[in-house]
Amino acid sequence: MADDYKLVKYITEQVVIYMETPKQQASVKETWSTKWFGMIPISLALLRDKSATRSESEQQAEELDEYVAEKTEELISHNG
C-alpha cells in the first residue's frame, strides 16, 4: 500500500511540475550531446568553426597580397 501511495505522489508531483512550467520553457529541448556531455560538443564546434574561418581569412589575405603585388608590378612596368 505504501508503494502505491509513493507512485501516486510521484505522478501528482510530475503533473504539477508539468502544469506550472511555462510553454516557452517547456518547448526548449536539450540535444542529446548537450545532455550527455554538457558544453564540450558546443565548444568543440565553435573551435572548429573558428579555425575554418581563420584559414579562409588567411587564404583571402594571401590572394589580396598577390593581387596587390601584381598591380604594383604593372604600375611599375607601365611607368618605368
PDB file of N, CA and C in Angstrom:
ATOM      1  N   MET A   1       0.812  -1.193   0.000  1.00  0.00           N
ATOM      2  CA  MET A   1       0.000   0.000   0.000  1.00  0.00           C
ATOM      3  C   MET A   1       0.858   1.260   0.000  1.00  0.00           C
ATOM      4  N   ALA A   2       2.011   1.194   0.695  1.00  0.00           N
ATOM      5  CA  ALA A   2       2.897   2.350   0.755  1.00  0.00           C
ATOM      6  C   ALA A   2       3.492   2.647  -0.618  1.00  0.00           C
ATOM      7  N   ASP A   3       3.779   1.595  -1.391  1.00  0.00           N
ATOM      8  CA  ASP A   3       4.330   1.787  -2.730  1.00  0.00           C
ATOM      9  C   ASP A   3       3.324   2.463  -3.650  1.00  0.00           C
ATOM     10  N   ASP A   4       2.052   2.100  -3.504  1.00  0.00           N
ATOM     11  CA  ASP A   4       1.009   2.744  -4.304  1.00  0.00           C
ATOM     12  C   ASP A   4       0.921   4.230  -3.972  1.00  0.00           C
ATOM     13  N   TYR A   5       1.016   4.549  -2.703  1.00  0.00           N
ATOM     14  CA  TYR A   5       0.968   5.943  -2.265  1.00  0.00           C
ATOM     15  C   TYR A   5       2.139   6.727  -2.842  1.00  0.00           C
ATOM     16  N   LYS A   6       3.347   6.132  -2.812  1.00  0.00           N
ATOM     17  CA  LYS A   6       4.532   6.807  -3.371  1.00  0.00           C
ATOM     18  C   LYS A   6       4.380   7.035  -4.868  1.00  0.00           C
ATOM     19  N   LEU A   7       3.812   6.062  -5.567  1.00  0.00           N
ATOM     20  CA  LEU A   7       3.607   6.200  -7.006  1.00  0.00           C
ATOM     21  C   LEU A   7       2.612   7.312  -7.314  1.00  0.00           C
ATOM     22  N   VAL A   8       1.514   7.345  -6.599  1.00  0.00           N
ATOM     23  CA  VAL A   8       0.510   8.397  -6.806  1.00  0.00           C
ATOM     24  C   VAL A   8       1.109   9.760  -6.485  1.00  0.00           C
ATOM     25  N   LYS A   9       1.899   9.835  -5.422  1.00  0.00           N
ATOM     26  CA  LYS A   9       2.544  11.086  -5.035  1.00  0.00           C
ATOM     27  C   LYS A   9       3.519  11.547  -6.127  1.00  0.00           C
ATOM     28  N   TYR A  10       4.316  10.622  -6.632  1.00  0.00           N
ATOM     29  CA  TYR A  10       5.277  10.955  -7.695  1.00  0.00           C
ATOM     30  C   TYR A  10       4.560  11.449  -8.950  1.00  0.00           C
ATOM     31  N   ILE A  11       3.538  10.733  -9.382  1.00  0.00           N
ATOM     32  CA  ILE A  11       2.802  11.125 -10.587  1.00  0.00           C
ATOM     33  C   ILE A  11       2.149  12.487 -10.384  1.00  0.00           C
ATOM     34  N   THR A  12       1.588  12.727  -9.210  1.00  0.00           N
ATOM     35  CA  THR A  12       0.967  14.026  -8.914  1.00  0.00           C
ATOM     36  C   THR A  12       2.000  15.137  -8.964  1.00  0.00           C
ATOM     37  N   GLU A  13       3.179  14.916  -8.394  1.00  0.00           N
ATOM     38  CA  GLU A  13       4.236  15.928  -8.433  1.00  0.00           C
ATOM     39  C   GLU A  13       4.655  16.227  -9.871  1.00  0.00           C
ATOM     40  N   GLN A  14       4.793  15.203 -10.689  1.00  0.00           N
ATOM     41  CA  GLN A  14       5.189  15.403 -12.080  1.00  0.00           C
ATOM     42  C   GLN A  14       4.122  16.169 -12.854  1.00  0.00           C
ATOM     43  N   VAL A  15       2.868  15.887 -12.605  1.00  0.00           N
ATOM     44  CA  VAL A  15       1.772  16.603 -13.279  1.00  0.00           C
ATOM     45  C   VAL A  15       1.776  18.066 -12.857  1.00  0.00           C
ATOM     46  N   VAL A  16       1.981  18.333 -11.577  1.00  0.00           N
ATOM     47  CA  VAL A  16       2.020  19.711 -11.085  1.00  0.00           C
ATOM     48  C   VAL A  16       3.194  20.462 -11.711  1.00  0.00           C
ATOM     49  N   ILE A  17       4.345  19.834 -11.768  1.00  0.00           N
ATOM     50  CA  ILE A  17       5.516  20.475 -12.393  1.00  0.00           C
ATOM     51  C   ILE A  17       5.233  20.758 -13.860  1.00  0.00           C
ATOM     52  N   TYR A  18       4.622  19.815 -14.544  1.00  0.00           N
ATOM     53  CA  TYR A  18       4.277  19.996 -15.957  1.00  0.00           C
ATOM     54  C   TYR A  18       3.299  21.150 -16.139  1.00  0.00           C
ATOM     55  N   MET A  19       2.297  21.225 -15.282  1.00  0.00           N
ATOM     56  CA  MET A  19       1.279  22.266 -15.407  1.00  0.00           C
ATOM     57  C   MET A  19       1.835  23.647 -15.073  1.00  0.00           C
ATOM     58  N   GLU A  20       2.809  23.735 -14.172  1.00  0.00           N
ATOM     59  CA  GLU A  20       3.367  25.018 -13.757  1.00  0.00           C
ATOM     60  C   GLU A  20       4.480  25.514 -14.674  1.00  0.00           C
ATOM     61  N   THR A  21       5.006  24.666 -15.521  1.00  0.00           N
ATOM     62  CA  THR A  21       6.095  25.056 -16.417  1.00  0.00           C
ATOM     63  C   THR A  21       5.530  25.872 -17.572  1.00  0.00           C
ATOM     64  N   PRO A  22       6.074  27.085 -17.809  1.00  0.00           N
ATOM     65  CA  PRO A  22       5.597  27.887 -18.942  1.00  0.00           C
ATOM     66  C   PRO A  22       5.867  27.172 -20.270  1.00  0.00           C
ATOM     67  N   LYS A  23       5.018  27.430 -21.250  1.00  0.00           N
ATOM     68  CA  LYS A  23       5.156  26.746 -22.539  1.00  0.00           C
ATOM     69  C   LYS A  23       6.481  27.077 -23.215  1.00  0.00           C
ATOM     70  N   GLN A  24       6.949  28.316 -23.084  1.00  0.00           N
ATOM     71  CA  GLN A  24       8.221  28.694 -23.712  1.00  0.00           C
ATOM     72  C   GLN A  24       9.367  27.875 -23.143  1.00  0.00           C
ATOM     73  N   GLN A  25       9.382  27.720 -21.839  1.00  0.00           N
ATOM     74  CA  GLN A  25      10.454  26.956 -21.202  1.00  0.00           C
ATOM     75  C   GLN A  25      10.319  25.468 -21.522  1.00  0.00           C
ATOM     76  N   ALA A  26       9.107  24.982 -21.600  1.00  0.00           N
ATOM     77  CA  ALA A  26       8.893  23.562 -21.871  1.00  0.00           C
ATOM     78  C   ALA A  26       9.270  23.204 -23.298  1.00  0.00           C
ATOM     79  N   SER A  27       9.168  24.166 -24.219  1.00  0.00           N
ATOM     80  CA  SER A  27       9.458  23.871 -25.616  1.00  0.00           C
ATOM     81  C   SER A  27      10.957  23.806 -25.910  1.00  0.00           C
ATOM     82  N   VAL A  28      11.786  24.322 -25.014  1.00  0.00           N
ATOM     83  CA  VAL A  28      13.235  24.288 -25.209  1.00  0.00           C
ATOM     84  C   VAL A  28      13.740  22.901 -24.839  1.00  0.00           C
ATOM     85  N   LYS A  29      14.306  22.220 -25.819  1.00  0.00           N
ATOM     86  CA  LYS A  29      14.811  20.865 -25.595  1.00  0.00           C
ATOM     87  C   LYS A  29      16.324  20.856 -25.730  1.00  0.00           C
ATOM     88  N   GLU A  30      16.971  20.091 -24.877  1.00  0.00           N
ATOM     89  CA  GLU A  30      18.407  19.906 -24.991  1.00  0.00           C
ATOM     90  C   GLU A  30      18.688  18.834 -26.038  1.00  0.00           C
ATOM     91  N   THR A  31      19.751  19.024 -26.781  1.00  0.00           N
ATOM     92  CA  THR A  31      20.166  17.970 -27.694  1.00  0.00           C
ATOM     93  C   THR A  31      20.791  16.843 -26.865  1.00  0.00           C
ATOM     94  N   TRP A  32      20.839  15.659 -27.451  1.00  0.00           N
ATOM     95  CA  TRP A  32      21.374  14.523 -26.692  1.00  0.00           C
ATOM     96  C   TRP A  32      22.843  14.732 -26.353  1.00  0.00           C
ATOM     97  N   SER A  33      23.591  15.402 -27.253  1.00  0.00           N
ATOM     98  CA  SER A  33      25.011  15.600 -26.975  1.00  0.00           C
ATOM     99  C   SER A  33      25.212  16.563 -25.811  1.00  0.00           C
ATOM    100  N   THR A  34      24.391  17.603 -25.720  1.00  0.00           N
ATOM    101  CA  THR A  34      24.496  18.528 -24.605  1.00  0.00           C
ATOM    102  C   THR A  34      24.042  17.854 -23.313  1.00  0.00           C
ATOM    103  N   LYS A  35      23.017  17.053 -23.420  1.00  0.00           N
ATOM    104  CA  LYS A  35      22.501  16.375 -22.231  1.00  0.00           C
ATOM    105  C   LYS A  35      23.533  15.403 -21.657  1.00  0.00           C
ATOM    106  N   TRP A  36      24.247  14.696 -22.535  1.00  0.00           N
ATOM    107  CA  TRP A  36      25.203  13.689 -22.071  1.00  0.00           C
ATOM    108  C   TRP A  36      26.591  14.250 -21.800  1.00  0.00           C
ATOM    109  N   PHE A  37      27.007  15.252 -22.588  1.00  0.00           N
ATOM    110  CA  PHE A  37      28.391  15.723 -22.487  1.00  0.00           C
ATOM    111  C   PHE A  37      28.531  17.183 -22.081  1.00  0.00           C
ATOM    112  N   GLY A  38      27.432  17.872 -21.816  1.00  0.00           N
ATOM    113  CA  GLY A  38      27.499  19.256 -21.366  1.00  0.00           C
ATOM    114  C   GLY A  38      27.914  20.193 -22.481  1.00  0.00           C
ATOM    115  N   MET A  39      28.798  21.125 -22.176  1.00  0.00           N
ATOM    116  CA  MET A  39      29.204  22.162 -23.117  1.00  0.00           C
ATOM    117  C   MET A  39      30.361  21.741 -24.024  1.00  0.00           C
ATOM    118  N   ILE A  40      30.914  20.571 -23.826  1.00  0.00           N
ATOM    119  CA  ILE A  40      32.074  20.136 -24.616  1.00  0.00           C
ATOM    120  C   ILE A  40      31.763  20.086 -26.117  1.00  0.00           C
ATOM    121  N   PRO A  41      30.656  19.497 -26.588  1.00  0.00           N
ATOM    122  CA  PRO A  41      30.388  19.476 -28.029  1.00  0.00           C
ATOM    123  C   PRO A  41      30.220  20.877 -28.626  1.00  0.00           C
ATOM    124  N   ILE A  42      29.581  21.764 -27.874  1.00  0.00           N
ATOM    125  CA  ILE A  42      29.389  23.131 -28.372  1.00  0.00           C
ATOM    126  C   ILE A  42      30.727  23.840 -28.480  1.00  0.00           C
ATOM    127  N   SER A  43      31.581  23.690 -27.475  1.00  0.00           N
ATOM    128  CA  SER A  43      32.876  24.361 -27.521  1.00  0.00           C
ATOM    129  C   SER A  43      33.747  23.807 -28.651  1.00  0.00           C
ATOM    130  N   LEU A  44      33.676  22.499 -28.883  1.00  0.00           N
ATOM    131  CA  LEU A  44      34.443  21.916 -29.988  1.00  0.00           C
ATOM    132  C   LEU A  44      33.918  22.417 -31.343  1.00  0.00           C
ATOM    133  N   ALA A  45      32.611  22.540 -31.465  1.00  0.00           N
ATOM    134  CA  ALA A  45      32.038  23.053 -32.713  1.00  0.00           C
ATOM    135  C   ALA A  45      32.461  24.494 -32.948  1.00  0.00           C
ATOM    136  N   LEU A  46      32.456  25.313 -31.906  1.00  0.00           N
ATOM    137  CA  LEU A  46      32.887  26.707 -32.046  1.00  0.00           C
ATOM    138  C   LEU A  46      34.367  26.785 -32.406  1.00  0.00           C
ATOM    139  N   LEU A  47      35.168  25.937 -31.787  1.00  0.00           N
ATOM    140  CA  LEU A  47      36.596  25.912 -32.089  1.00  0.00           C
ATOM    141  C   LEU A  47      36.832  25.512 -33.539  1.00  0.00           C
ATOM    142  N   ARG A  48      36.094  24.501 -34.017  1.00  0.00           N
ATOM    143  CA  ARG A  48      36.219  24.055 -35.401  1.00  0.00           C
ATOM    144  C   ARG A  48      35.813  25.161 -36.372  1.00  0.00           C
ATOM    145  N   ASP A  49      34.703  25.841 -36.080  1.00  0.00           N
ATOM    146  CA  ASP A  49      34.245  26.919 -36.952  1.00  0.00           C
ATOM    147  C   ASP A  49      35.234  28.080 -36.957  1.00  0.00           C
ATOM    148  N   LYS A  50      35.800  28.366 -35.805  1.00  0.00           N
ATOM    149  CA  LYS A  50      36.764  29.464 -35.705  1.00  0.00           C
ATOM    150  C   LYS A  50      38.011  29.158 -36.527  1.00  0.00           C
ATOM    151  N   SER A  51      38.500  27.915 -36.461  1.00  0.00           N
ATOM    152  CA  SER A  51      39.694  27.555 -37.224  1.00  0.00           C
ATOM    153  C   SER A  51      39.398  27.536 -38.716  1.00  0.00           C
ATOM    154  N   ALA A  52      38.186  27.130 -39.105  1.00  0.00           N
ATOM    155  CA  ALA A  52      37.808  27.144 -40.520  1.00  0.00           C
ATOM    156  C   ALA A  52      37.727  28.575 -41.019  1.00  0.00           C
ATOM    157  N   THR A  53      37.171  29.464 -40.230  1.00  0.00           N
ATOM    158  CA  THR A  53      37.077  30.873 -40.607  1.00  0.00           C
ATOM    159  C   THR A  53      38.463  31.481 -40.703  1.00  0.00           C
ATOM    160  N   ARG A  54      39.340  31.113 -39.784  1.00  0.00           N
ATOM    161  CA  ARG A  54      40.691  31.655 -39.786  1.00  0.00           C
ATOM    162  C   ARG A  54      41.426  31.231 -41.063  1.00  0.00           C
ATOM    163  N   SER A  55      41.303  29.979 -41.470  1.00  0.00           N
ATOM    164  CA  SER A  55      42.006  29.521 -42.660  1.00  0.00           C
ATOM    165  C   SER A  55      41.436  30.185 -43.921  1.00  0.00           C
ATOM    166  N   GLU A  56      40.134  30.429 -43.956  1.00  0.00           N
ATOM    167  CA  GLU A  56      39.540  31.131 -45.087  1.00  0.00           C
ATOM    168  C   GLU A  56      40.045  32.569 -45.148  1.00  0.00           C
ATOM    169  N   SER A  57      40.134  33.238 -44.005  1.00  0.00           N
ATOM    170  CA  SER A  57      40.604  34.614 -43.997  1.00  0.00           C
ATOM    171  C   SER A  57      42.088  34.686 -44.361  1.00  0.00           C
ATOM    172  N   GLU A  58      42.873  33.687 -43.952  1.00  0.00           N
ATOM    173  CA  GLU A  58      44.283  33.662 -44.341  1.00  0.00           C
ATOM    174  C   GLU A  58      44.415  33.484 -45.846  1.00  0.00           C
ATOM    175  N   GLN A  59      43.570  32.646 -46.436  1.00  0.00           N
ATOM    176  CA  GLN A  59      43.601  32.439 -47.879  1.00  0.00           C
ATOM    177  C   GLN A  59      43.210  33.723 -48.604  1.00  0.00           C
ATOM    178  N   GLN A  60      42.203  34.419 -48.118  1.00  0.00           N
ATOM    179  CA  GLN A  60      41.790  35.676 -48.732  1.00  0.00           C
ATOM    180  C   GLN A  60      42.899  36.716 -48.617  1.00  0.00           C
ATOM    181  N   ALA A  61      43.604  36.739 -47.487  1.00  0.00           N
ATOM    182  CA  ALA A  61      44.705  37.679 -47.310  1.00  0.00           C
ATOM    183  C   ALA A  61      45.833  37.382 -48.294  1.00  0.00           C
ATOM    184  N   GLU A  62      46.136  36.104 -48.506  1.00  0.00           N
ATOM    185  CA  GLU A  62      47.167  35.742 -49.476  1.00  0.00           C
ATOM    186  C   GLU A  62      46.773  36.156 -50.893  1.00  0.00           C
ATOM    187  N   GLU A  63      45.505  35.927 -51.246  1.00  0.00           N
ATOM    188  CA  GLU A  63      45.024  36.331 -52.574  1.00  0.00           C
ATOM    189  C   GLU A  63      45.105  37.842 -52.743  1.00  0.00           C
ATOM    190  N   LEU A  64      44.773  38.577 -51.693  1.00  0.00           N
ATOM    191  CA  LEU A  64      44.854  40.035 -51.753  1.00  0.00           C
ATOM    192  C   LEU A  64      46.299  40.490 -51.905  1.00  0.00           C
ATOM    193  N   ASP A  65      47.211  39.864 -51.175  1.00  0.00           N
ATOM    194  CA  ASP A  65      48.629  40.199 -51.295  1.00  0.00           C
ATOM    195  C   ASP A  65      49.133  39.943 -52.716  1.00  0.00           C
ATOM    196  N   GLU A  66      48.736  38.810 -53.307  1.00  0.00           N
ATOM    197  CA  GLU A  66      49.141  38.508 -54.678  1.00  0.00           C
ATOM    198  C   GLU A  66      48.580  39.535 -55.659  1.00  0.00           C
ATOM    199  N   TYR A  67      47.332  39.932 -55.456  1.00  0.00           N
ATOM    200  CA  TYR A  67      46.693  40.916 -56.334  1.00  0.00           C
ATOM    201  C   TYR A  67      47.412  42.254 -56.236  1.00  0.00           C
ATOM    202  N   VAL A  68      47.726  42.681 -55.012  1.00  0.00           N
ATOM    203  CA  VAL A  68      48.418  43.960 -54.818  1.00  0.00           C
ATOM    204  C   VAL A  68      49.806  43.909 -55.445  1.00  0.00           C
ATOM    205  N   ALA A  69      50.528  42.812 -55.271  1.00  0.00           N
ATOM    206  CA  ALA A  69      51.864  42.685 -55.858  1.00  0.00           C
ATOM    207  C   ALA A  69      51.787  42.718 -57.380  1.00  0.00           C
ATOM    208  N   GLU A  70      50.784  42.057 -57.933  1.00  0.00           N
ATOM    209  CA  GLU A  70      50.593  42.034 -59.391  1.00  0.00           C
ATOM    210  C   GLU A  70      50.312  43.432 -59.932  1.00  0.00           C
ATOM    211  N   LYS A  71      49.414  44.150 -59.275  1.00  0.00           N
ATOM    212  CA  LYS A  71      49.069  45.514 -59.717  1.00  0.00           C
ATOM    213  C   LYS A  71      50.240  46.467 -59.535  1.00  0.00           C
ATOM    214  N   THR A  72      51.019  46.260 -58.475  1.00  0.00           N
ATOM    215  CA  THR A  72      52.196  47.103 -58.256  1.00  0.00           C
ATOM    216  C   THR A  72      53.210  46.897 -59.361  1.00  0.00           C
ATOM    217  N   GLU A  73      53.442  45.648 -59.754  1.00  0.00           N
ATOM    218  CA  GLU A  73      54.363  45.361 -60.852  1.00  0.00           C
ATOM    219  C   GLU A  73      53.863  45.973 -62.156  1.00  0.00           C
ATOM    220  N   GLU A  74      52.562  45.920 -62.402  1.00  0.00           N
ATOM    221  CA  GLU A  74      52.001  46.525 -63.607  1.00  0.00           C
ATOM    222  C   GLU A  74      52.234  48.034 -63.627  1.00  0.00           C
ATOM    223  N   LEU A  75      52.003  48.676 -62.488  1.00  0.00           N
ATOM    224  CA  LEU A  75      52.209  50.123 -62.410  1.00  0.00           C
ATOM    225  C   LEU A  75      53.684  50.481 -62.618  1.00  0.00           C
ATOM    226  N   ILE A  76      54.573  49.702 -62.012  1.00  0.00           N
ATOM    227  CA  ILE A  76      55.994  49.973 -62.143  1.00  0.00           C
ATOM    228  C   ILE A  76      56.429  49.775 -63.605  1.00  0.00           C
ATOM    229  N   SER A  77      55.992  48.719 -64.233  1.00  0.00           N
ATOM    230  CA  SER A  77      56.386  48.474 -65.617  1.00  0.00           C
ATOM    231  C   SER A  77      55.729  49.491 -66.566  1.00  0.00           C
ATOM    232  N   HIS A  78      54.557  49.936 -66.266  1.00  0.00           N
ATOM    233  CA  HIS A  78      53.867  50.930 -67.104  1.00  0.00           C
ATOM    234  C   HIS A  78      54.535  52.300 -66.977  1.00  0.00           C
ATOM    235  N   ASN A  79      54.954  52.669 -65.770  1.00  0.00           N
ATOM    236  CA  ASN A  79      55.571  53.978 -65.534  1.00  0.00           C
ATOM    237  C   ASN A  79      57.077  53.955 -65.800  1.00  0.00           C
ATOM    238  N   GLY A  80      57.666  52.810 -65.801  1.00  0.00           N
ATOM    239  CA  GLY A  80      59.130  52.719 -65.913  1.00  0.00           C
ATOM    240  C   GLY A  80      59.550  52.549 -67.284  1.00  0.00           C
TER     241      GLY A  80
END
